[in-house]
Amino acid sequence: MRTCKLNHCTYRHQYHLVWGTRYRRKYLKAYVWEELNELIFSIPKKYPTMYIHALKGGEDHVHLQIEVPPDISVAKAVQRIKWVTSIGLKKKFRFIRKIYLEGNIWSVGYFSSTLGLNEMQVKQYIRRQGLQEQIHQIRLLDS
């Protein structure tokens, strides 16, 4: 875990965030994930004190490991990420605009957990997201 410095503080604030699509609709296919990946990894360009460590998820949810400075609350960070990605995905994909019309594409809530000594375990967990679903589907097909 890296230590960051601002003018008047030194910090280590990493979070594991999870949020879902609105109504848990499964539209985060591979081609949508490509765009979502670009959008989320472009956030530090707009907000340089935020740093993305890992990103993965399923067709209806997102797992993100992020570093956020103390002057930005977790709620504000999630709000910014959801806002940027919602606008970007609706602009790029017409079918998402049709599904949600004027509304947000993400559910209102989110899960947040702080990371400490278990940072690598959480990073591995995030990277394995989606693999369990594929294994489960293969088992169903083999039966």
Protein backbone atom coordinates (compact mmCIF):
# COMPACT_ATOMS: atom_id res chain seq x y z
CA MET A 1 0.00 0.00 0.00
CA ARG A 2 1.49 3.32 -1.00
CA THR A 3 1.65 6.39 1.21
CA CYS A 4 0.49 9.65 -0.37
CA LYS A 5 1.26 13.22 0.57
CA LEU A 6 -0.64 16.45 0.17
CA ASN A 7 0.43 19.89 1.39
CA HIS A 8 -0.51 19.31 5.02
CA CYS A 9 -1.09 15.59 5.40
CA THR A 10 0.20 12.12 4.67
CA TYR A 11 -2.35 9.34 4.18
CA ARG A 12 -3.17 5.78 3.11
CA HIS A 13 -6.86 5.67 2.22
CA GLN A 14 -7.85 2.77 0.00
CA TYR A 15 -11.37 1.46 -0.44
CA HIS A 16 -13.06 -1.52 -2.01
CA LEU A 17 -16.25 -0.20 -3.61
CA VAL A 18 -19.08 -2.20 -5.13
CA TRP A 19 -22.22 -0.90 -6.83
CA GLY A 20 -24.77 -2.35 -9.18
CA THR A 21 -26.69 -1.39 -12.25
CA ARG A 22 -30.10 0.09 -11.69
CA TYR A 23 -32.73 -2.66 -11.35
CA ARG A 24 -29.76 -5.10 -11.60
CA ARG A 25 -30.09 -5.18 -15.38
CA LYS A 26 -27.33 -7.25 -16.99
CA TYR A 27 -26.03 -4.96 -19.73
CA LEU A 28 -22.35 -4.76 -18.76
CA LYS A 29 -21.19 -7.03 -21.58
CA ALA A 30 -17.54 -7.19 -22.73
CA TYR A 31 -17.87 -4.28 -25.18
CA VAL A 32 -19.54 -2.09 -22.52
CA TRP A 33 -16.82 -3.05 -20.03
CA GLU A 34 -14.17 -1.78 -22.47
CA GLU A 35 -15.75 1.66 -22.44
CA LEU A 36 -16.42 1.56 -18.69
CA ASN A 37 -12.77 0.66 -18.12
CA GLU A 38 -11.63 3.67 -20.15
CA LEU A 39 -14.04 5.99 -18.34
CA ILE A 40 -13.05 4.86 -14.85
CA PHE A 41 -9.32 4.92 -15.56
CA SER A 42 -9.70 8.44 -17.02
CA ILE A 43 -11.12 9.76 -13.72
CA PRO A 44 -7.66 10.50 -12.22
CA LYS A 45 -7.04 12.87 -15.16
CA LYS A 46 -9.97 14.97 -13.96
CA TYR A 47 -9.40 14.28 -10.24
CA PRO A 48 -5.61 13.75 -9.90
CA THR A 49 -5.70 12.91 -6.18
CA MET A 50 -7.86 9.82 -6.84
CA TYR A 51 -6.00 6.68 -7.94
CA ILE A 52 -7.52 3.48 -9.39
CA HIS A 53 -5.83 0.22 -8.33
CA ALA A 54 -8.16 -2.49 -9.68
CA LEU A 55 -11.45 -2.74 -11.57
CA LYS A 56 -13.62 -5.74 -12.42
CA GLY A 57 -17.18 -6.94 -12.06
CA GLY A 58 -20.03 -8.83 -13.61
CA GLU A 59 -22.83 -8.04 -16.01
CA ASP A 60 -24.75 -6.17 -13.32
CA HIS A 61 -22.16 -4.85 -10.84
CA VAL A 62 -18.75 -3.20 -10.51
CA HIS A 63 -15.89 -3.84 -8.04
CA LEU A 64 -13.35 -1.06 -7.69
CA GLN A 65 -10.25 -0.63 -5.54
CA ILE A 66 -9.52 3.07 -5.27
CA GLU A 67 -7.34 5.47 -3.32
CA VAL A 68 -9.11 8.64 -2.20
CA PRO A 69 -7.54 11.61 -0.36
CA PRO A 70 -8.93 12.71 3.02
CA ASP A 71 -10.52 15.86 1.58
CA ILE A 72 -12.89 13.77 -0.59
CA SER A 73 -15.46 11.64 1.21
CA VAL A 74 -16.16 8.12 -0.03
CA ALA A 75 -19.72 9.16 -0.87
CA LYS A 76 -18.44 12.07 -2.98
CA ALA A 77 -15.93 9.80 -4.77
CA VAL A 78 -18.64 7.26 -5.60
CA GLN A 79 -20.94 10.06 -6.75
CA ARG A 80 -18.26 11.40 -9.12
CA ILE A 81 -17.44 7.96 -10.52
CA LYS A 82 -21.10 7.06 -11.09
CA TRP A 83 -21.79 10.46 -12.65
CA VAL A 84 -18.84 10.32 -15.08
CA THR A 85 -19.53 6.71 -16.10
CA SER A 86 -23.29 7.18 -16.40
CA ILE A 87 -22.91 10.12 -18.78
CA GLY A 88 -20.14 8.39 -20.76
CA LEU A 89 -21.94 5.06 -21.20
CA LYS A 90 -25.25 6.70 -22.13
CA LYS A 91 -23.45 8.87 -24.68
CA LYS A 92 -21.68 5.87 -26.25
CA PHE A 93 -24.44 3.22 -26.18
CA ARG A 94 -27.89 3.98 -27.52
CA PHE A 95 -29.45 0.87 -25.95
CA ILE A 96 -28.46 2.10 -22.47
CA ARG A 97 -30.11 5.47 -23.19
CA LYS A 98 -33.27 3.59 -24.19
CA ILE A 99 -33.28 1.45 -21.05
CA TYR A 100 -32.90 4.32 -18.60
CA LEU A 101 -34.18 7.34 -20.57
CA GLU A 102 -33.32 10.34 -18.38
CA GLY A 103 -32.47 8.38 -15.21
CA ASN A 104 -29.18 7.21 -13.81
CA ILE A 105 -27.83 3.84 -14.97
CA TRP A 106 -26.48 2.90 -11.52
CA SER A 107 -28.38 1.86 -8.41
CA VAL A 108 -28.56 4.44 -5.65
CA GLY A 109 -26.56 2.51 -3.05
CA TYR A 110 -23.05 1.11 -2.87
CA PHE A 111 -20.82 -1.01 -0.63
CA SER A 112 -17.63 0.44 0.80
CA SER A 113 -14.87 -1.24 2.78
CA THR A 114 -11.53 0.16 3.88
CA LEU A 115 -8.36 -1.71 3.01
CA GLY A 116 -5.51 -2.27 5.40
CA LEU A 117 -3.20 -5.21 5.56
CA ASN A 118 -5.52 -7.28 3.34
CA GLU A 119 -4.98 -5.09 0.27
CA MET A 120 -3.55 -7.89 -1.89
CA GLN A 121 -6.38 -10.28 -0.95
CA VAL A 122 -8.98 -7.71 -2.00
CA LYS A 123 -7.11 -6.97 -5.24
CA GLN A 124 -7.06 -10.70 -6.08
CA TYR A 125 -10.75 -10.99 -5.20
CA ILE A 126 -11.61 -8.11 -7.54
CA ARG A 127 -9.54 -9.61 -10.37
CA ARG A 128 -11.33 -12.96 -9.99
CA GLN A 129 -14.79 -11.38 -10.38
CA GLY A 130 -16.73 -12.93 -13.23
CA LEU A 131 -14.63 -16.12 -13.15
CA GLN A 132 -16.98 -17.80 -10.65
CA GLU A 133 -19.96 -17.15 -12.93
CA GLN A 134 -18.11 -18.69 -15.89
CA ILE A 135 -17.10 -21.77 -13.87
CA HIS A 136 -20.67 -22.16 -12.59
CA GLN A 137 -22.04 -21.93 -16.14
CA ILE A 138 -19.55 -24.55 -17.37
CA ARG A 139 -20.63 -26.90 -14.57
CA LEU A 140 -24.27 -26.44 -15.54
CA LEU A 141 -23.48 -27.25 -19.16
CA ASP A 142 -21.49 -30.36 -18.17
CA SER A 143 -24.37 -31.75 -16.09
